[in-house]
Amino acid sequence: MDWSKAKTILIIAFIVTNLLLAHVLFDNEKIDEPTIKESFIENVVELLKSKNIKINCKIPNTQPSLSMMNVEYEKKGIDEINNSFFGGKTIGVEQEEGKVEFQINKEKVTLLDGKTLIYENSDDGEKYAKLDREKAISIAEDFLAEKGFSMDDMKLSFIKNDNGIYYLEYTKIYEGLYVEKTYTKFEIDKCGVKRFERLWLNTKGIGENQIYISTAPKAILGLLTMEEAYEKTIEDISLCYYFDPFKHEDVNDPKKTREGKAIPAWRIQFDDGSKIFLDEY
């Protein structure tokens, strides 16, 4: 057993309990949920600072609930990929189980487990003399339109420039809320799209019953035990639909999963683009 982590968890539990008792015993104002009160949120911010976790956004102060969402992975057929990327001029070659590759000259498309689509272009010929944020977004969105991907259900959720290379990530949205874990990623430089990767979920339906989860201020206290969150800045905290086949015990082989149920969770996005999902109830 990791006694250090267990000790940290116990300390957090005592802190939360004491903060809640303080609100209940000493505050005459009627509060349905003490963990969304400003004083509690201020205490949470200070506790996160102890691990050098900074917050550069507003912490939601509502009591959240969402219905469950039925989702399925987007699946592209062999002929569809061939036509979209190569105009029907090549054929897919199976390299190994669960992996099919298409290639013409310096362009290659790989399909993994029938779900993850990866495009790579090794051509180093410069196409754009000037590349800035707006141009990178334009190149990405032109690529999506050219390859037949709709942008109706996606939102640009992250972009950064690293030595002239732009990294973009689009995330699925449903009625204004993010749907995770799903993504469309780009790596773009003056040569154009160098890499494109997509793992997408389609919505099959929404359940009738509402599921309530922990408030955001209470949930993010869990970051105190997650070393991957230390020394980072939180840029966004938002309620999302969350599906991760690796976390569902009824899935025998997550790689072969084709559909499932997405549950409500808090989506924590950091300044480096990494994300943590908190689905406490």
C-alpha atoms as a PDB file:
ATOM      1  CA  MET A   1       0.000   0.000   0.000  1.00  0.00           C
ATOM      2  CA  ASP A   2       1.165   3.517  -0.783  1.00  0.00           C
ATOM      3  CA  TRP A   3       1.047   4.926   2.773  1.00  0.00           C
ATOM      4  CA  SER A   4       2.030   8.407   1.630  1.00  0.00           C
ATOM      5  CA  LYS A   5      -0.959   8.629  -0.724  1.00  0.00           C
ATOM      6  CA  ALA A   6      -3.269   7.021   1.872  1.00  0.00           C
ATOM      7  CA  LYS A   7      -2.174   9.617   4.421  1.00  0.00           C
ATOM      8  CA  THR A   8      -2.838  12.431   1.966  1.00  0.00           C
ATOM      9  CA  ILE A   9      -6.334  11.077   1.238  1.00  0.00           C
ATOM     10  CA  LEU A  10      -7.131  10.914   4.959  1.00  0.00           C
ATOM     11  CA  ILE A  11      -5.923  14.483   5.448  1.00  0.00           C
ATOM     12  CA  ILE A  12      -8.158  15.667   2.607  1.00  0.00           C
ATOM     13  CA  ALA A  13     -11.123  13.811   4.122  1.00  0.00           C
ATOM     14  CA  PHE A  14     -10.567  15.508   7.494  1.00  0.00           C
ATOM     15  CA  ILE A  15     -10.193  18.918   5.831  1.00  0.00           C
ATOM     16  CA  VAL A  16     -13.435  18.547   3.894  1.00  0.00           C
ATOM     17  CA  THR A  17     -15.272  17.309   6.995  1.00  0.00           C
ATOM     18  CA  ASN A  18     -14.008  20.194   9.109  1.00  0.00           C
ATOM     19  CA  LEU A  19     -14.874  22.778   6.470  1.00  0.00           C
ATOM     20  CA  LEU A  20     -18.375  21.390   6.142  1.00  0.00           C
ATOM     21  CA  LEU A  21     -18.897  21.342   9.914  1.00  0.00           C
ATOM     22  CA  ALA A  22     -17.680  24.922  10.159  1.00  0.00           C
ATOM     23  CA  HIS A  23     -20.270  26.061   7.650  1.00  0.00           C
ATOM     24  CA  VAL A  24     -23.078  24.115   9.291  1.00  0.00           C
ATOM     25  CA  LEU A  25     -22.289  25.143  12.879  1.00  0.00           C
ATOM     26  CA  PHE A  26     -21.232  28.745  12.513  1.00  0.00           C
ATOM     27  CA  ASP A  27     -23.078  30.127   9.507  1.00  0.00           C
ATOM     28  CA  ASN A  28     -26.583  31.366  10.149  1.00  0.00           C
ATOM     29  CA  GLU A  29     -27.264  31.789   6.442  1.00  0.00           C
ATOM     30  CA  LYS A  30     -29.270  28.917   4.985  1.00  0.00           C
ATOM     31  CA  ILE A  31     -27.072  26.956   2.576  1.00  0.00           C
ATOM     32  CA  ASP A  32     -28.311  23.853   0.764  1.00  0.00           C
ATOM     33  CA  GLU A  33     -24.792  22.862  -0.315  1.00  0.00           C
ATOM     34  CA  PRO A  34     -21.942  24.287   1.791  1.00  0.00           C
ATOM     35  CA  THR A  35     -19.250  23.281  -0.738  1.00  0.00           C
ATOM     36  CA  ILE A  36     -20.389  25.898  -3.254  1.00  0.00           C
ATOM     37  CA  LYS A  37     -20.131  28.782  -0.789  1.00  0.00           C
ATOM     38  CA  GLU A  38     -17.417  31.361  -1.542  1.00  0.00           C
ATOM     39  CA  SER A  39     -15.511  30.764   1.711  1.00  0.00           C
ATOM     40  CA  PHE A  40     -15.267  27.024   0.976  1.00  0.00           C
ATOM     41  CA  ILE A  41     -14.038  27.739  -2.559  1.00  0.00           C
ATOM     42  CA  GLU A  42     -11.387  30.115  -1.193  1.00  0.00           C
ATOM     43  CA  ASN A  43     -10.147  27.374   1.138  1.00  0.00           C
ATOM     44  CA  VAL A  44      -9.975  24.932  -1.779  1.00  0.00           C
ATOM     45  CA  VAL A  45      -7.866  27.393  -3.801  1.00  0.00           C
ATOM     46  CA  GLU A  46      -5.420  27.749  -0.920  1.00  0.00           C
ATOM     47  CA  LEU A  47      -5.144  23.988  -0.461  1.00  0.00           C
ATOM     48  CA  LEU A  48      -4.369  23.489  -4.147  1.00  0.00           C
ATOM     49  CA  LYS A  49      -1.631  26.104  -3.888  1.00  0.00           C
ATOM     50  CA  SER A  50       0.119  23.815  -1.411  1.00  0.00           C
ATOM     51  CA  LYS A  51       0.829  21.527  -4.396  1.00  0.00           C
ATOM     52  CA  ASN A  52       1.573  24.481  -6.688  1.00  0.00           C
ATOM     53  CA  ILE A  53      -1.686  23.929  -8.548  1.00  0.00           C
ATOM     54  CA  LYS A  54      -2.917  27.321  -9.740  1.00  0.00           C
ATOM     55  CA  ILE A  55      -6.388  28.185 -11.018  1.00  0.00           C
ATOM     56  CA  ASN A  56      -6.788  30.590 -13.911  1.00  0.00           C
ATOM     57  CA  CYS A  57     -10.553  30.267 -14.361  1.00  0.00           C
ATOM     58  CA  LYS A  58     -13.803  30.458 -12.451  1.00  0.00           C
ATOM     59  CA  ILE A  59     -14.692  27.451 -10.302  1.00  0.00           C
ATOM     60  CA  PRO A  60     -18.330  26.479 -11.030  1.00  0.00           C
ATOM     61  CA  ASN A  61     -20.517  26.965  -7.950  1.00  0.00           C
ATOM     62  CA  THR A  62     -23.581  24.964  -8.929  1.00  0.00           C
ATOM     63  CA  GLN A  63     -24.987  21.586  -7.925  1.00  0.00           C
ATOM     64  CA  PRO A  64     -24.432  19.678 -11.183  1.00  0.00           C
ATOM     65  CA  SER A  65     -26.445  16.897 -12.793  1.00  0.00           C
ATOM     66  CA  LEU A  66     -26.663  15.372 -16.263  1.00  0.00           C
ATOM     67  CA  SER A  67     -28.456  12.462 -17.832  1.00  0.00           C
ATOM     68  CA  MET A  68     -26.428   9.504 -19.034  1.00  0.00           C
ATOM     69  CA  MET A  69     -25.450   9.556 -22.721  1.00  0.00           C
ATOM     70  CA  ASN A  70     -25.280   6.495 -24.973  1.00  0.00           C
ATOM     71  CA  VAL A  71     -22.301   6.809 -27.309  1.00  0.00           C
ATOM     72  CA  GLU A  72     -20.583   4.819 -30.032  1.00  0.00           C
ATOM     73  CA  TYR A  73     -17.198   5.251 -31.687  1.00  0.00           C
ATOM     74  CA  GLU A  74     -17.128   6.760 -35.146  1.00  0.00           C
ATOM     75  CA  LYS A  75     -16.146   4.098 -37.652  1.00  0.00           C
ATOM     76  CA  LYS A  76     -14.703   4.819 -41.071  1.00  0.00           C
ATOM     77  CA  GLY A  77     -14.848   2.111 -43.721  1.00  0.00           C
ATOM     78  CA  ILE A  78     -11.835   1.113 -45.810  1.00  0.00           C
ATOM     79  CA  ASP A  79     -13.317   2.443 -49.048  1.00  0.00           C
ATOM     80  CA  GLU A  80     -14.426   5.667 -47.349  1.00  0.00           C
ATOM     81  CA  ILE A  81     -10.900   6.348 -46.054  1.00  0.00           C
ATOM     82  CA  ASN A  82      -9.392   5.569 -49.448  1.00  0.00           C
ATOM     83  CA  ASN A  83     -11.769   7.968 -51.211  1.00  0.00           C
ATOM     84  CA  SER A  84     -11.489  10.758 -48.614  1.00  0.00           C
ATOM     85  CA  PHE A  85      -7.702  10.853 -48.401  1.00  0.00           C
ATOM     86  CA  PHE A  86      -6.465   9.412 -51.692  1.00  0.00           C
ATOM     87  CA  GLY A  87      -9.319   9.773 -54.166  1.00  0.00           C
ATOM     88  CA  GLY A  88      -9.658   6.006 -54.400  1.00  0.00           C
ATOM     89  CA  LYS A  89      -6.122   5.573 -55.757  1.00  0.00           C
ATOM     90  CA  THR A  90      -4.780   3.162 -53.136  1.00  0.00           C
ATOM     91  CA  ILE A  91      -5.895   0.172 -51.098  1.00  0.00           C
ATOM     92  CA  GLY A  92      -5.625  -0.603 -47.424  1.00  0.00           C
ATOM     93  CA  VAL A  93      -2.911  -3.054 -46.438  1.00  0.00           C
ATOM     94  CA  GLU A  94      -3.316  -4.875 -43.134  1.00  0.00           C
ATOM     95  CA  GLN A  95      -0.009  -4.699 -41.268  1.00  0.00           C
ATOM     96  CA  GLU A  96      -1.140  -6.661 -38.225  1.00  0.00           C
ATOM     97  CA  GLU A  97      -4.318  -7.442 -36.352  1.00  0.00           C
ATOM     98  CA  GLY A  98      -6.282  -4.252 -35.792  1.00  0.00           C
ATOM     99  CA  LYS A  99      -4.005  -2.099 -37.973  1.00  0.00           C
ATOM    100  CA  VAL A 100      -4.596  -1.082 -41.606  1.00  0.00           C
ATOM    101  CA  GLU A 101      -2.360   1.313 -43.561  1.00  0.00           C
ATOM    102  CA  PHE A 102      -2.871   3.327 -46.750  1.00  0.00           C
ATOM    103  CA  GLN A 103       0.002   5.150 -48.425  1.00  0.00           C
ATOM    104  CA  ILE A 104       0.830   7.147 -51.550  1.00  0.00           C
ATOM    105  CA  ASN A 105       4.247   8.816 -51.780  1.00  0.00           C
ATOM    106  CA  LYS A 106       4.816  10.757 -48.537  1.00  0.00           C
ATOM    107  CA  GLU A 107       1.249  10.601 -47.254  1.00  0.00           C
ATOM    108  CA  LYS A 108       0.162   7.753 -45.001  1.00  0.00           C
ATOM    109  CA  VAL A 109      -3.098   6.980 -43.211  1.00  0.00           C
ATOM    110  CA  THR A 110      -3.322   4.384 -40.440  1.00  0.00           C
ATOM    111  CA  LEU A 111      -6.538   2.959 -38.978  1.00  0.00           C
ATOM    112  CA  LEU A 112      -6.178   1.376 -35.530  1.00  0.00           C
ATOM    113  CA  ASP A 113      -8.807  -0.996 -34.124  1.00  0.00           C
ATOM    114  CA  GLY A 114     -11.302   0.432 -36.588  1.00  0.00           C
ATOM    115  CA  LYS A 115     -11.579   3.608 -34.475  1.00  0.00           C
ATOM    116  CA  THR A 116      -8.413   5.715 -34.349  1.00  0.00           C
ATOM    117  CA  LEU A 117      -7.515   7.437 -37.614  1.00  0.00           C
ATOM    118  CA  ILE A 118      -3.993   8.831 -38.081  1.00  0.00           C
ATOM    119  CA  TYR A 119      -2.769  10.840 -41.081  1.00  0.00           C
ATOM    120  CA  GLU A 120       0.957  11.616 -41.514  1.00  0.00           C
ATOM    121  CA  ASN A 121       2.716  13.648 -44.216  1.00  0.00           C
ATOM    122  CA  SER A 122       6.518  13.590 -44.423  1.00  0.00           C
ATOM    123  CA  ASP A 123       6.699  16.114 -47.284  1.00  0.00           C
ATOM    124  CA  ASP A 124       9.044  18.933 -46.168  1.00  0.00           C
ATOM    125  CA  GLY A 125       8.183  21.359 -48.961  1.00  0.00           C
ATOM    126  CA  GLU A 126       7.214  24.747 -47.500  1.00  0.00           C
ATOM    127  CA  LYS A 127       3.722  25.879 -48.548  1.00  0.00           C
ATOM    128  CA  TYR A 128       3.134  28.850 -46.238  1.00  0.00           C
ATOM    129  CA  ALA A 129       5.626  31.706 -45.905  1.00  0.00           C
ATOM    130  CA  LYS A 130       3.761  33.033 -42.865  1.00  0.00           C
ATOM    131  CA  LEU A 131       2.077  30.888 -40.266  1.00  0.00           C
ATOM    132  CA  ASP A 132       0.219  32.327 -37.280  1.00  0.00           C
ATOM    133  CA  ARG A 133      -2.615  31.165 -35.023  1.00  0.00           C
ATOM    134  CA  GLU A 134      -5.393  32.194 -37.387  1.00  0.00           C
ATOM    135  CA  LYS A 135      -3.694  30.591 -40.394  1.00  0.00           C
ATOM    136  CA  ALA A 136      -3.117  27.338 -38.505  1.00  0.00           C
ATOM    137  CA  ILE A 137      -6.818  27.183 -37.595  1.00  0.00           C
ATOM    138  CA  SER A 138      -7.757  27.907 -41.202  1.00  0.00           C
ATOM    139  CA  ILE A 139      -5.470  25.115 -42.472  1.00  0.00           C
ATOM    140  CA  ALA A 140      -6.960  22.643 -39.982  1.00  0.00           C
ATOM    141  CA  GLU A 141     -10.550  23.514 -40.818  1.00  0.00           C
ATOM    142  CA  ASP A 142      -9.898  23.398 -44.562  1.00  0.00           C
ATOM    143  CA  PHE A 143      -8.383  19.933 -44.087  1.00  0.00           C
ATOM    144  CA  LEU A 144     -11.476  18.760 -42.201  1.00  0.00           C
ATOM    145  CA  ALA A 145     -13.811  20.047 -44.909  1.00  0.00           C
ATOM    146  CA  GLU A 146     -11.671  18.523 -47.673  1.00  0.00           C
ATOM    147  CA  LYS A 147     -11.654  15.099 -45.999  1.00  0.00           C
ATOM    148  CA  GLY A 148     -15.384  15.137 -45.295  1.00  0.00           C
ATOM    149  CA  PHE A 149     -15.467  15.746 -41.540  1.00  0.00           C
ATOM    150  CA  SER A 150     -18.307  17.913 -40.206  1.00  0.00           C
ATOM    151  CA  MET A 151     -17.453  20.642 -37.699  1.00  0.00           C
ATOM    152  CA  ASP A 152     -21.015  20.878 -36.384  1.00  0.00           C
ATOM    153  CA  ASP A 153     -20.189  18.851 -33.272  1.00  0.00           C
ATOM    154  CA  MET A 154     -16.663  20.023 -32.499  1.00  0.00           C
ATOM    155  CA  LYS A 155     -14.973  22.919 -30.743  1.00  0.00           C
ATOM    156  CA  LEU A 156     -11.353  24.072 -30.693  1.00  0.00           C
ATOM    157  CA  SER A 157     -10.387  23.359 -27.079  1.00  0.00           C
ATOM    158  CA  PHE A 158      -6.595  23.827 -27.171  1.00  0.00           C
ATOM    159  CA  ILE A 159      -3.937  25.457 -29.348  1.00  0.00           C
ATOM    160  CA  LYS A 160      -0.264  26.223 -28.786  1.00  0.00           C
ATOM    161  CA  ASN A 161       2.736  27.304 -30.832  1.00  0.00           C
ATOM    162  CA  ASP A 162       5.971  25.448 -30.110  1.00  0.00           C
ATOM    163  CA  ASN A 163       8.904  26.739 -32.198  1.00  0.00           C
ATOM    164  CA  GLY A 164       6.763  27.382 -35.246  1.00  0.00           C
ATOM    165  CA  ILE A 165       4.741  24.181 -34.975  1.00  0.00           C
ATOM    166  CA  TYR A 166       1.080  24.598 -34.044  1.00  0.00           C
ATOM    167  CA  TYR A 167      -0.693  21.929 -32.031  1.00  0.00           C
ATOM    168  CA  LEU A 168      -4.484  22.053 -32.125  1.00  0.00           C
ATOM    169  CA  GLU A 169      -7.102  19.908 -30.437  1.00  0.00           C
ATOM    170  CA  TYR A 170     -10.815  19.875 -31.199  1.00  0.00           C
ATOM    171  CA  THR A 171     -13.233  18.225 -28.763  1.00  0.00           C
ATOM    172  CA  LYS A 172     -16.737  16.932 -29.400  1.00  0.00           C
ATOM    173  CA  ILE A 173     -19.596  19.019 -27.999  1.00  0.00           C
ATOM    174  CA  TYR A 174     -23.250  18.205 -27.363  1.00  0.00           C
ATOM    175  CA  GLU A 175     -25.649  21.054 -26.556  1.00  0.00           C
ATOM    176  CA  GLY A 176     -22.721  23.201 -25.449  1.00  0.00           C
ATOM    177  CA  LEU A 177     -21.056  20.555 -23.251  1.00  0.00           C
ATOM    178  CA  TYR A 178     -17.846  18.673 -23.987  1.00  0.00           C
ATOM    179  CA  VAL A 179     -18.010  14.933 -24.676  1.00  0.00           C
ATOM    180  CA  GLU A 180     -14.874  13.058 -23.592  1.00  0.00           C
ATOM    181  CA  LYS A 181     -12.622  11.165 -24.173  1.00  0.00           C
ATOM    182  CA  THR A 182     -12.748  12.071 -27.808  1.00  0.00           C
ATOM    183  CA  TYR A 183     -10.537  14.272 -29.919  1.00  0.00           C
ATOM    184  CA  THR A 184      -9.387  15.531 -33.299  1.00  0.00           C
ATOM    185  CA  LYS A 185      -5.743  16.655 -33.126  1.00  0.00           C
ATOM    186  CA  PHE A 186      -3.481  18.474 -35.572  1.00  0.00           C
ATOM    187  CA  GLU A 187       0.232  19.166 -35.908  1.00  0.00           C
ATOM    188  CA  ILE A 188       0.750  21.969 -38.437  1.00  0.00           C
ATOM    189  CA  ASP A 189       3.838  23.818 -39.665  1.00  0.00           C
ATOM    190  CA  LYS A 190       4.729  25.832 -42.774  1.00  0.00           C
ATOM    191  CA  CYS A 191       4.538  22.634 -44.822  1.00  0.00           C
ATOM    192  CA  GLY A 192       0.872  22.217 -43.867  1.00  0.00           C
ATOM    193  CA  VAL A 193      -0.754  19.376 -41.916  1.00  0.00           C
ATOM    194  CA  LYS A 194       2.048  17.090 -40.755  1.00  0.00           C
ATOM    195  CA  ARG A 195      -0.119  14.903 -38.532  1.00  0.00           C
ATOM    196  CA  PHE A 196      -3.829  14.466 -37.931  1.00  0.00           C
ATOM    197  CA  GLU A 197      -5.302  12.085 -35.365  1.00  0.00           C
ATOM    198  CA  ARG A 198      -8.965  11.459 -34.648  1.00  0.00           C
ATOM    199  CA  LEU A 199     -10.831   9.284 -32.130  1.00  0.00           C
ATOM    200  CA  TRP A 200     -14.458  10.368 -32.177  1.00  0.00           C
ATOM    201  CA  LEU A 201     -17.690   9.478 -30.399  1.00  0.00           C
ATOM    202  CA  ASN A 202     -21.164   9.765 -31.878  1.00  0.00           C
ATOM    203  CA  THR A 203     -24.226  10.325 -29.696  1.00  0.00           C
ATOM    204  CA  LYS A 204     -26.845   7.564 -29.850  1.00  0.00           C
ATOM    205  CA  GLY A 205     -29.267   8.875 -27.236  1.00  0.00           C
ATOM    206  CA  ILE A 206     -29.763  10.559 -23.864  1.00  0.00           C
ATOM    207  CA  GLY A 207     -31.213   8.862 -20.769  1.00  0.00           C
ATOM    208  CA  GLU A 208     -34.209  10.212 -18.879  1.00  0.00           C
ATOM    209  CA  ASN A 209     -32.898  10.234 -15.302  1.00  0.00           C
ATOM    210  CA  GLN A 210     -30.573  12.921 -13.951  1.00  0.00           C
ATOM    211  CA  ILE A 211     -27.315  11.873 -12.259  1.00  0.00           C
ATOM    212  CA  TYR A 212     -25.893  14.192  -9.599  1.00  0.00           C
ATOM    213  CA  ILE A 213     -22.156  14.389  -8.974  1.00  0.00           C
ATOM    214  CA  SER A 214     -19.978  16.195  -6.446  1.00  0.00           C
ATOM    215  CA  THR A 215     -19.736  19.952  -6.751  1.00  0.00           C
ATOM    216  CA  ALA A 216     -16.666  21.270  -8.555  1.00  0.00           C
ATOM    217  CA  PRO A 217     -15.013  22.811  -5.435  1.00  0.00           C
ATOM    218  CA  LYS A 218     -15.306  19.496  -3.590  1.00  0.00           C
ATOM    219  CA  ALA A 219     -14.306  17.350  -6.580  1.00  0.00           C
ATOM    220  CA  ILE A 220     -11.108  19.241  -7.411  1.00  0.00           C
ATOM    221  CA  LEU A 221      -9.750  18.562  -3.936  1.00  0.00           C
ATOM    222  CA  GLY A 222      -8.995  15.144  -5.407  1.00  0.00           C
ATOM    223  CA  LEU A 223      -6.195  16.772  -7.411  1.00  0.00           C
ATOM    224  CA  LEU A 224      -4.191  16.959  -4.184  1.00  0.00           C
ATOM    225  CA  THR A 225      -3.443  13.226  -4.552  1.00  0.00           C
ATOM    226  CA  MET A 226      -2.647  13.370  -8.287  1.00  0.00           C
ATOM    227  CA  GLU A 227       0.995  14.141  -8.989  1.00  0.00           C
ATOM    228  CA  GLU A 228       0.220  14.719 -12.679  1.00  0.00           C
ATOM    229  CA  ALA A 229      -1.624  17.889 -11.605  1.00  0.00           C
ATOM    230  CA  TYR A 230       1.206  19.348  -9.495  1.00  0.00           C
ATOM    231  CA  GLU A 231       3.029  22.464 -10.735  1.00  0.00           C
ATOM    232  CA  LYS A 232       0.309  23.150 -13.328  1.00  0.00           C
ATOM    233  CA  THR A 233      -2.296  25.847 -13.943  1.00  0.00           C
ATOM    234  CA  ILE A 234      -5.954  24.968 -14.429  1.00  0.00           C
ATOM    235  CA  GLU A 235      -7.359  26.858 -17.421  1.00  0.00           C
ATOM    236  CA  ASP A 236     -10.859  25.373 -17.534  1.00  0.00           C
ATOM    237  CA  ILE A 237     -13.242  23.515 -15.221  1.00  0.00           C
ATOM    238  CA  SER A 238     -16.425  22.395 -16.919  1.00  0.00           C
ATOM    239  CA  LEU A 239     -19.110  19.740 -16.667  1.00  0.00           C
ATOM    240  CA  CYS A 240     -18.880  17.131 -19.428  1.00  0.00           C
ATOM    241  CA  TYR A 241     -20.095  13.757 -20.615  1.00  0.00           C
ATOM    242  CA  TYR A 242     -17.305  11.262 -19.984  1.00  0.00           C
ATOM    243  CA  PHE A 243     -16.690   7.810 -21.449  1.00  0.00           C
ATOM    244  CA  ASP A 244     -13.530   5.833 -20.765  1.00  0.00           C
ATOM    245  CA  PRO A 245     -13.710   2.116 -21.678  1.00  0.00           C
ATOM    246  CA  PHE A 246     -10.696   1.357 -19.483  1.00  0.00           C
ATOM    247  CA  LYS A 247     -12.671   2.374 -16.381  1.00  0.00           C
ATOM    248  CA  HIS A 248     -15.656   0.117 -16.985  1.00  0.00           C
ATOM    249  CA  GLU A 249     -15.390  -3.297 -15.346  1.00  0.00           C
ATOM    250  CA  ASP A 250     -17.872  -4.901 -17.774  1.00  0.00           C
ATOM    251  CA  VAL A 251     -15.523  -4.322 -20.712  1.00  0.00           C
ATOM    252  CA  ASN A 252     -13.325  -7.378 -21.363  1.00  0.00           C
ATOM    253  CA  ASP A 253     -11.129  -5.762 -24.017  1.00  0.00           C
ATOM    254  CA  PRO A 254     -11.335  -1.920 -24.118  1.00  0.00           C
ATOM    255  CA  LYS A 255      -9.642  -1.843 -27.535  1.00  0.00           C
ATOM    256  CA  LYS A 256     -12.582  -3.716 -29.032  1.00  0.00           C
ATOM    257  CA  THR A 257     -15.228  -1.518 -27.401  1.00  0.00           C
ATOM    258  CA  ARG A 258     -17.595   0.022 -29.918  1.00  0.00           C
ATOM    259  CA  GLU A 259     -20.173   1.717 -27.691  1.00  0.00           C
ATOM    260  CA  GLY A 260     -21.105   2.450 -24.093  1.00  0.00           C
ATOM    261  CA  LYS A 261     -22.518   4.977 -21.654  1.00  0.00           C
ATOM    262  CA  ALA A 262     -20.976   8.388 -20.991  1.00  0.00           C
ATOM    263  CA  ILE A 263     -21.508   9.721 -17.470  1.00  0.00           C
ATOM    264  CA  PRO A 264     -21.333  13.244 -16.023  1.00  0.00           C
ATOM    265  CA  ALA A 265     -17.886  14.333 -14.846  1.00  0.00           C
ATOM    266  CA  TRP A 266     -15.776  17.419 -14.232  1.00  0.00           C
ATOM    267  CA  ARG A 267     -13.335  18.120 -17.042  1.00  0.00           C
ATOM    268  CA  ILE A 268     -10.154  19.791 -15.741  1.00  0.00           C
ATOM    269  CA  GLN A 269      -7.928  21.220 -18.483  1.00  0.00           C
ATOM    270  CA  PHE A 270      -4.433  22.502 -17.729  1.00  0.00           C
ATOM    271  CA  ASP A 271      -2.259  25.101 -19.428  1.00  0.00           C
ATOM    272  CA  ASP A 272      -0.216  22.399 -21.206  1.00  0.00           C
ATOM    273  CA  GLY A 273      -3.347  20.890 -22.783  1.00  0.00           C
ATOM    274  CA  SER A 274      -3.486  17.846 -20.516  1.00  0.00           C
ATOM    275  CA  LYS A 275      -6.793  16.921 -18.888  1.00  0.00           C
ATOM    276  CA  ILE A 276      -8.034  15.116 -15.801  1.00  0.00           C
ATOM    277  CA  PHE A 277     -11.600  13.888 -15.381  1.00  0.00           C
ATOM    278  CA  LEU A 278     -13.261  13.703 -11.976  1.00  0.00           C
ATOM    279  CA  ASP A 279     -16.439  11.644 -11.805  1.00  0.00           C
ATOM    280  CA  GLU A 280     -17.105  11.441  -8.058  1.00  0.00           C
ATOM    281  CA  TYR A 281     -20.702  10.959  -6.892  1.00  0.00           C
END
